[in-house]
């Protein structure tokens, strides 16, 4: 069961990058797009986590 959770987490983090390892050029192009997406998603995640922490305390 643990391995299934890990696989799911990996595909969510970098599904496109992991699924197409042979397409390096496409990965480089999508890299900048993914970077922006991860950056904005990470920012939202942080605020969400902070809110949850406040509720916990």
PDB file of N, CA and C in Angstrom:
ATOM      1  N   UNK A   1       0.830  -1.199   0.000  1.00  0.00           N
ATOM      2  CA  UNK A   1       0.000   0.000   0.000  1.00  0.00           C
ATOM      3  C   UNK A   1       0.874   1.263   0.000  1.00  0.00           C
ATOM      4  N   UNK A   2       2.001   1.200   0.697  1.00  0.00           N
ATOM      5  CA  UNK A   2       2.877   2.365   0.758  1.00  0.00           C
ATOM      6  C   UNK A   2       3.422   2.721  -0.616  1.00  0.00           C
ATOM      7  N   UNK A   3       3.822   1.696  -1.380  1.00  0.00           N
ATOM      8  CA  UNK A   3       4.395   1.956  -2.697  1.00  0.00           C
ATOM      9  C   UNK A   3       3.365   2.618  -3.605  1.00  0.00           C
ATOM     10  N   UNK A   4       2.110   2.232  -3.484  1.00  0.00           N
ATOM     11  CA  UNK A   4       1.059   2.835  -4.318  1.00  0.00           C
ATOM     12  C   UNK A   4       0.935   4.324  -4.010  1.00  0.00           C
ATOM     13  N   UNK A   5       1.009   4.672  -2.747  1.00  0.00           N
ATOM     14  CA  UNK A   5       0.913   6.078  -2.366  1.00  0.00           C
ATOM     15  C   UNK A   5       2.099   6.849  -2.928  1.00  0.00           C
ATOM     16  N   UNK A   6       3.285   6.257  -2.867  1.00  0.00           N
ATOM     17  CA  UNK A   6       4.483   6.927  -3.369  1.00  0.00           C
ATOM     18  C   UNK A   6       4.372   7.157  -4.871  1.00  0.00           C
ATOM     19  N   UNK A   7       3.888   6.162  -5.595  1.00  0.00           N
ATOM     20  CA  UNK A   7       3.756   6.288  -7.046  1.00  0.00           C
ATOM     21  C   UNK A   7       2.783   7.408  -7.376  1.00  0.00           C
ATOM     22  N   UNK A   8       1.691   7.473  -6.647  1.00  0.00           N
ATOM     23  CA  UNK A   8       0.696   8.518  -6.886  1.00  0.00           C
ATOM     24  C   UNK A   8       1.310   9.890  -6.630  1.00  0.00           C
ATOM     25  N   UNK A   9       2.052  10.019  -5.562  1.00  0.00           N
ATOM     26  CA  UNK A   9       2.672  11.304  -5.234  1.00  0.00           C
ATOM     27  C   UNK A   9       3.640  11.718  -6.337  1.00  0.00           C
ATOM     28  N   UNK A  10       4.415  10.756  -6.847  1.00  0.00           N
ATOM     29  CA  UNK A  10       5.392  11.065  -7.881  1.00  0.00           C
ATOM     30  C   UNK A  10       4.702  11.540  -9.147  1.00  0.00           C
ATOM     31  N   UNK A  11       3.643  10.848  -9.563  1.00  0.00           N
ATOM     32  CA  UNK A  11       2.955  11.224 -10.797  1.00  0.00           C
ATOM     33  C   UNK A  11       2.306  12.598 -10.653  1.00  0.00           C
ATOM     34  N   UNK A  12       1.872  12.925  -9.454  1.00  0.00           N
ATOM     35  CA  UNK A  12       1.247  14.231  -9.239  1.00  0.00           C
ATOM     36  C   UNK A  12       2.304  15.330  -9.301  1.00  0.00           C
ATOM     37  N   UNK A  13       3.486  15.050  -8.751  1.00  0.00           N
ATOM     38  CA  UNK A  13       4.536  16.062  -8.735  1.00  0.00           C
ATOM     39  C   UNK A  13       5.063  16.328 -10.137  1.00  0.00           C
ATOM     40  N   UNK A  14       5.422  15.271 -10.872  1.00  0.00           N
ATOM     41  CA  UNK A  14       5.967  15.467 -12.226  1.00  0.00           C
ATOM     42  C   UNK A  14       5.467  14.417 -13.181  1.00  0.00           C
ATOM     43  N   UNK A  15       4.194  14.389 -13.430  1.00  0.00           N
ATOM     44  CA  UNK A  15       3.613  13.375 -14.316  1.00  0.00           C
ATOM     45  C   UNK A  15       4.144  13.483 -15.726  1.00  0.00           C
ATOM     46  N   UNK A  16       4.156  14.685 -16.299  1.00  0.00           N
ATOM     47  CA  UNK A  16       4.590  14.850 -17.675  1.00  0.00           C
ATOM     48  C   UNK A  16       6.071  14.526 -17.812  1.00  0.00           C
ATOM     49  N   UNK A  17       6.885  14.992 -16.880  1.00  0.00           N
ATOM     50  CA  UNK A  17       8.322  14.761 -16.964  1.00  0.00           C
ATOM     51  C   UNK A  17       8.665  13.290 -16.855  1.00  0.00           C
ATOM     52  N   UNK A  18       7.981  12.568 -15.972  1.00  0.00           N
ATOM     53  CA  UNK A  18       8.292  11.159 -15.763  1.00  0.00           C
ATOM     54  C   UNK A  18       7.764  10.284 -16.895  1.00  0.00           C
ATOM     55  N   UNK A  19       6.634  10.661 -17.439  1.00  0.00           N
ATOM     56  CA  UNK A  19       6.019   9.827 -18.470  1.00  0.00           C
ATOM     57  C   UNK A  19       6.736   9.943 -19.806  1.00  0.00           C
ATOM     58  N   UNK A  20       7.422  11.074 -20.054  1.00  0.00           N
ATOM     59  CA  UNK A  20       8.124  11.257 -21.325  1.00  0.00           C
ATOM     60  C   UNK A  20       9.600  11.551 -21.088  1.00  0.00           C
ATOM     61  N   UNK A  21      10.374  10.526 -20.705  1.00  0.00           N
ATOM     62  CA  UNK A  21      11.793  10.741 -20.470  1.00  0.00           C
ATOM     63  C   UNK A  21      12.588  10.859 -21.771  1.00  0.00           C
ATOM     64  N   UNK A  22      12.053  10.323 -22.868  1.00  0.00           N
ATOM     65  CA  UNK A  22      12.744  10.358 -24.160  1.00  0.00           C
ATOM     66  C   UNK A  22      12.628  11.712 -24.839  1.00  0.00           C
ATOM     67  N   UNK A  23      11.606  12.468 -24.511  1.00  0.00           N
ATOM     68  CA  UNK A  23      11.406  13.772 -25.154  1.00  0.00           C
ATOM     69  C   UNK A  23      12.074  14.859 -24.320  1.00  0.00           C
ATOM     70  N   UNK A  24      13.378  14.991 -24.490  1.00  0.00           N
ATOM     71  CA  UNK A  24      14.114  15.983 -23.695  1.00  0.00           C
ATOM     72  C   UNK A  24      13.780  17.399 -24.146  1.00  0.00           C
ATOM     73  N   UNK A  25      13.661  17.602 -25.455  1.00  0.00           N
ATOM     74  CA  UNK A  25      13.364  18.948 -25.969  1.00  0.00           C
ATOM     75  C   UNK A  25      12.008  19.424 -25.455  1.00  0.00           C
ATOM     76  N   UNK A  26      11.022  18.539 -25.494  1.00  0.00           N
ATOM     77  CA  UNK A  26       9.683  18.903 -25.019  1.00  0.00           C
ATOM     78  C   UNK A  26       9.738  19.194 -23.519  1.00  0.00           C
ATOM     79  N   UNK A  27      10.547  18.412 -22.808  1.00  0.00           N
ATOM     80  CA  UNK A  27      10.653  18.594 -21.353  1.00  0.00           C
ATOM     81  C   UNK A  27      11.265  19.962 -21.052  1.00  0.00           C
ATOM     82  N   UNK A  28      12.271  20.352 -21.829  1.00  0.00           N
ATOM     83  CA  UNK A  28      12.905  21.651 -21.597  1.00  0.00           C
ATOM     84  C   UNK A  28      11.911  22.778 -21.828  1.00  0.00           C
ATOM     85  N   UNK A  29      11.095  22.627 -22.864  1.00  0.00           N
ATOM     86  CA  UNK A  29      10.105  23.666 -23.169  1.00  0.00           C
ATOM     87  C   UNK A  29       9.053  23.732 -22.073  1.00  0.00           C
ATOM     88  N   UNK A  30       8.562  22.581 -21.657  1.00  0.00           N
ATOM     89  CA  UNK A  30       7.522  22.534 -20.621  1.00  0.00           C
ATOM     90  C   UNK A  30       8.107  22.861 -19.246  1.00  0.00           C
ATOM     91  N   UNK A  31       9.421  22.754 -19.129  1.00  0.00           N
ATOM     92  CA  UNK A  31      10.074  22.987 -17.840  1.00  0.00           C
ATOM     93  C   UNK A  31       9.695  24.347 -17.264  1.00  0.00           C
ATOM     94  N   UNK A  32       9.801  25.395 -18.077  1.00  0.00           N
ATOM     95  CA  UNK A  32       9.490  26.733 -17.567  1.00  0.00           C
ATOM     96  C   UNK A  32       8.023  26.815 -17.164  1.00  0.00           C
ATOM     97  N   UNK A  33       7.147  26.201 -17.966  1.00  0.00           N
ATOM     98  CA  UNK A  33       5.720  26.229 -17.641  1.00  0.00           C
ATOM     99  C   UNK A  33       5.478  25.491 -16.331  1.00  0.00           C
ATOM    100  N   UNK A  34       6.104  24.325 -16.181  1.00  0.00           N
ATOM    101  CA  UNK A  34       5.929  23.535 -14.962  1.00  0.00           C
ATOM    102  C   UNK A  34       6.470  24.313 -13.766  1.00  0.00           C
ATOM    103  N   UNK A  35       7.588  24.994 -13.972  1.00  0.00           N
ATOM    104  CA  UNK A  35       8.193  25.758 -12.883  1.00  0.00           C
ATOM    105  C   UNK A  35       7.204  26.778 -12.341  1.00  0.00           C
ATOM    106  N   UNK A  36       6.564  27.527 -13.233  1.00  0.00           N
ATOM    107  CA  UNK A  36       5.586  28.534 -12.811  1.00  0.00           C
ATOM    108  C   UNK A  36       4.429  27.854 -12.099  1.00  0.00           C
ATOM    109  N   UNK A  37       3.981  26.728 -12.663  1.00  0.00           N
ATOM    110  CA  UNK A  37       2.837  26.022 -12.073  1.00  0.00           C
ATOM    111  C   UNK A  37       3.183  25.529 -10.675  1.00  0.00           C
ATOM    112  N   UNK A  38       4.351  24.909 -10.531  1.00  0.00           N
ATOM    113  CA  UNK A  38       4.769  24.381  -9.224  1.00  0.00           C
ATOM    114  C   UNK A  38       4.947  25.544  -8.239  1.00  0.00           C
ATOM    115  N   UNK A  39       5.511  26.648  -8.729  1.00  0.00           N
ATOM    116  CA  UNK A  39       5.757  27.798  -7.858  1.00  0.00           C
ATOM    117  C   UNK A  39       4.446  28.339  -7.292  1.00  0.00           C
ATOM    118  N   UNK A  40       3.472  28.561  -8.181  1.00  0.00           N
ATOM    119  CA  UNK A  40       2.186  29.093  -7.716  1.00  0.00           C
ATOM    120  C   UNK A  40       1.475  28.068  -6.837  1.00  0.00           C
ATOM    121  N   UNK A  41       1.541  26.800  -7.227  1.00  0.00           N
ATOM    122  CA  UNK A  41       0.882  25.753  -6.443  1.00  0.00           C
ATOM    123  C   UNK A  41       1.534  25.660  -5.061  1.00  0.00           C
ATOM    124  N   UNK A  42       2.858  25.764  -5.026  1.00  0.00           N
ATOM    125  CA  UNK A  42       3.565  25.691  -3.752  1.00  0.00           C
ATOM    126  C   UNK A  42       3.168  26.842  -2.844  1.00  0.00           C
ATOM    127  N   UNK A  43       3.022  28.030  -3.406  1.00  0.00           N
ATOM    128  CA  UNK A  43       2.616  29.185  -2.608  1.00  0.00           C
ATOM    129  C   UNK A  43       1.242  28.971  -2.006  1.00  0.00           C
ATOM    130  N   UNK A  44       0.324  28.467  -2.819  1.00  0.00           N
ATOM    131  CA  UNK A  44      -1.029  28.217  -2.319  1.00  0.00           C
ATOM    132  C   UNK A  44      -0.993  27.133  -1.247  1.00  0.00           C
ATOM    133  N   UNK A  45      -0.152  26.139  -1.462  1.00  0.00           N
ATOM    134  CA  UNK A  45      -0.050  25.036  -0.504  1.00  0.00           C
ATOM    135  C   UNK A  45       0.398  25.575   0.855  1.00  0.00           C
ATOM    136  N   UNK A  46       1.390  26.445   0.838  1.00  0.00           N
ATOM    137  CA  UNK A  46       1.928  26.980   2.090  1.00  0.00           C
ATOM    138  C   UNK A  46       0.845  27.697   2.874  1.00  0.00           C
ATOM    139  N   UNK A  47       0.090  28.565   2.210  1.00  0.00           N
ATOM    140  CA  UNK A  47      -0.950  29.308   2.929  1.00  0.00           C
ATOM    141  C   UNK A  47      -2.003  28.347   3.467  1.00  0.00           C
ATOM    142  N   UNK A  48      -2.316  27.324   2.695  1.00  0.00           N
ATOM    143  CA  UNK A  48      -3.310  26.342   3.146  1.00  0.00           C
ATOM    144  C   UNK A  48      -2.792  25.625   4.392  1.00  0.00           C
ATOM    145  N   UNK A  49      -1.521  25.223   4.344  1.00  0.00           N
ATOM    146  CA  UNK A  49      -0.944  24.513   5.485  1.00  0.00           C
ATOM    147  C   UNK A  49      -0.935  25.399   6.725  1.00  0.00           C
ATOM    148  N   UNK A  50      -0.631  26.668   6.527  1.00  0.00           N
ATOM    149  CA  UNK A  50      -0.599  27.587   7.664  1.00  0.00           C
ATOM    150  C   UNK A  50      -1.981  27.690   8.289  1.00  0.00           C
ATOM    151  N   UNK A  51      -3.003  27.769   7.441  1.00  0.00           N
ATOM    152  CA  UNK A  51      -4.376  27.853   7.946  1.00  0.00           C
ATOM    153  C   UNK A  51      -4.715  26.602   8.742  1.00  0.00           C
ATOM    154  N   UNK A  52      -4.319  25.449   8.219  1.00  0.00           N
ATOM    155  CA  UNK A  52      -4.607  24.185   8.900  1.00  0.00           C
ATOM    156  C   UNK A  52      -3.886  24.154  10.242  1.00  0.00           C
ATOM    157  N   UNK A  53      -2.649  24.644  10.252  1.00  0.00           N
ATOM    158  CA  UNK A  53      -1.887  24.665  11.501  1.00  0.00           C
ATOM    159  C   UNK A  53      -2.596  25.513  12.546  1.00  0.00           C
ATOM    160  N   UNK A  54      -3.087  26.651  12.132  1.00  0.00           N
ATOM    161  CA  UNK A  54      -3.795  27.531  13.068  1.00  0.00           C
ATOM    162  C   UNK A  54      -5.008  26.817  13.653  1.00  0.00           C
ATOM    163  N   UNK A  55      -5.716  26.086  12.807  1.00  0.00           N
ATOM    164  CA  UNK A  55      -6.896  25.369  13.285  1.00  0.00           C
ATOM    165  C   UNK A  55      -6.488  24.287  14.281  1.00  0.00           C
ATOM    166  N   UNK A  56      -5.367  23.619  13.996  1.00  0.00           N
ATOM    167  CA  UNK A  56      -4.887  22.553  14.879  1.00  0.00           C
ATOM    168  C   UNK A  56      -4.557  23.102  16.263  1.00  0.00           C
ATOM    169  N   UNK A  57      -3.885  24.228  16.301  1.00  0.00           N
ATOM    170  CA  UNK A  57      -3.490  24.821  17.577  1.00  0.00           C
ATOM    171  C   UNK A  57      -4.719  25.369  18.271  1.00  0.00           C
TER     172      UNK A  57
END
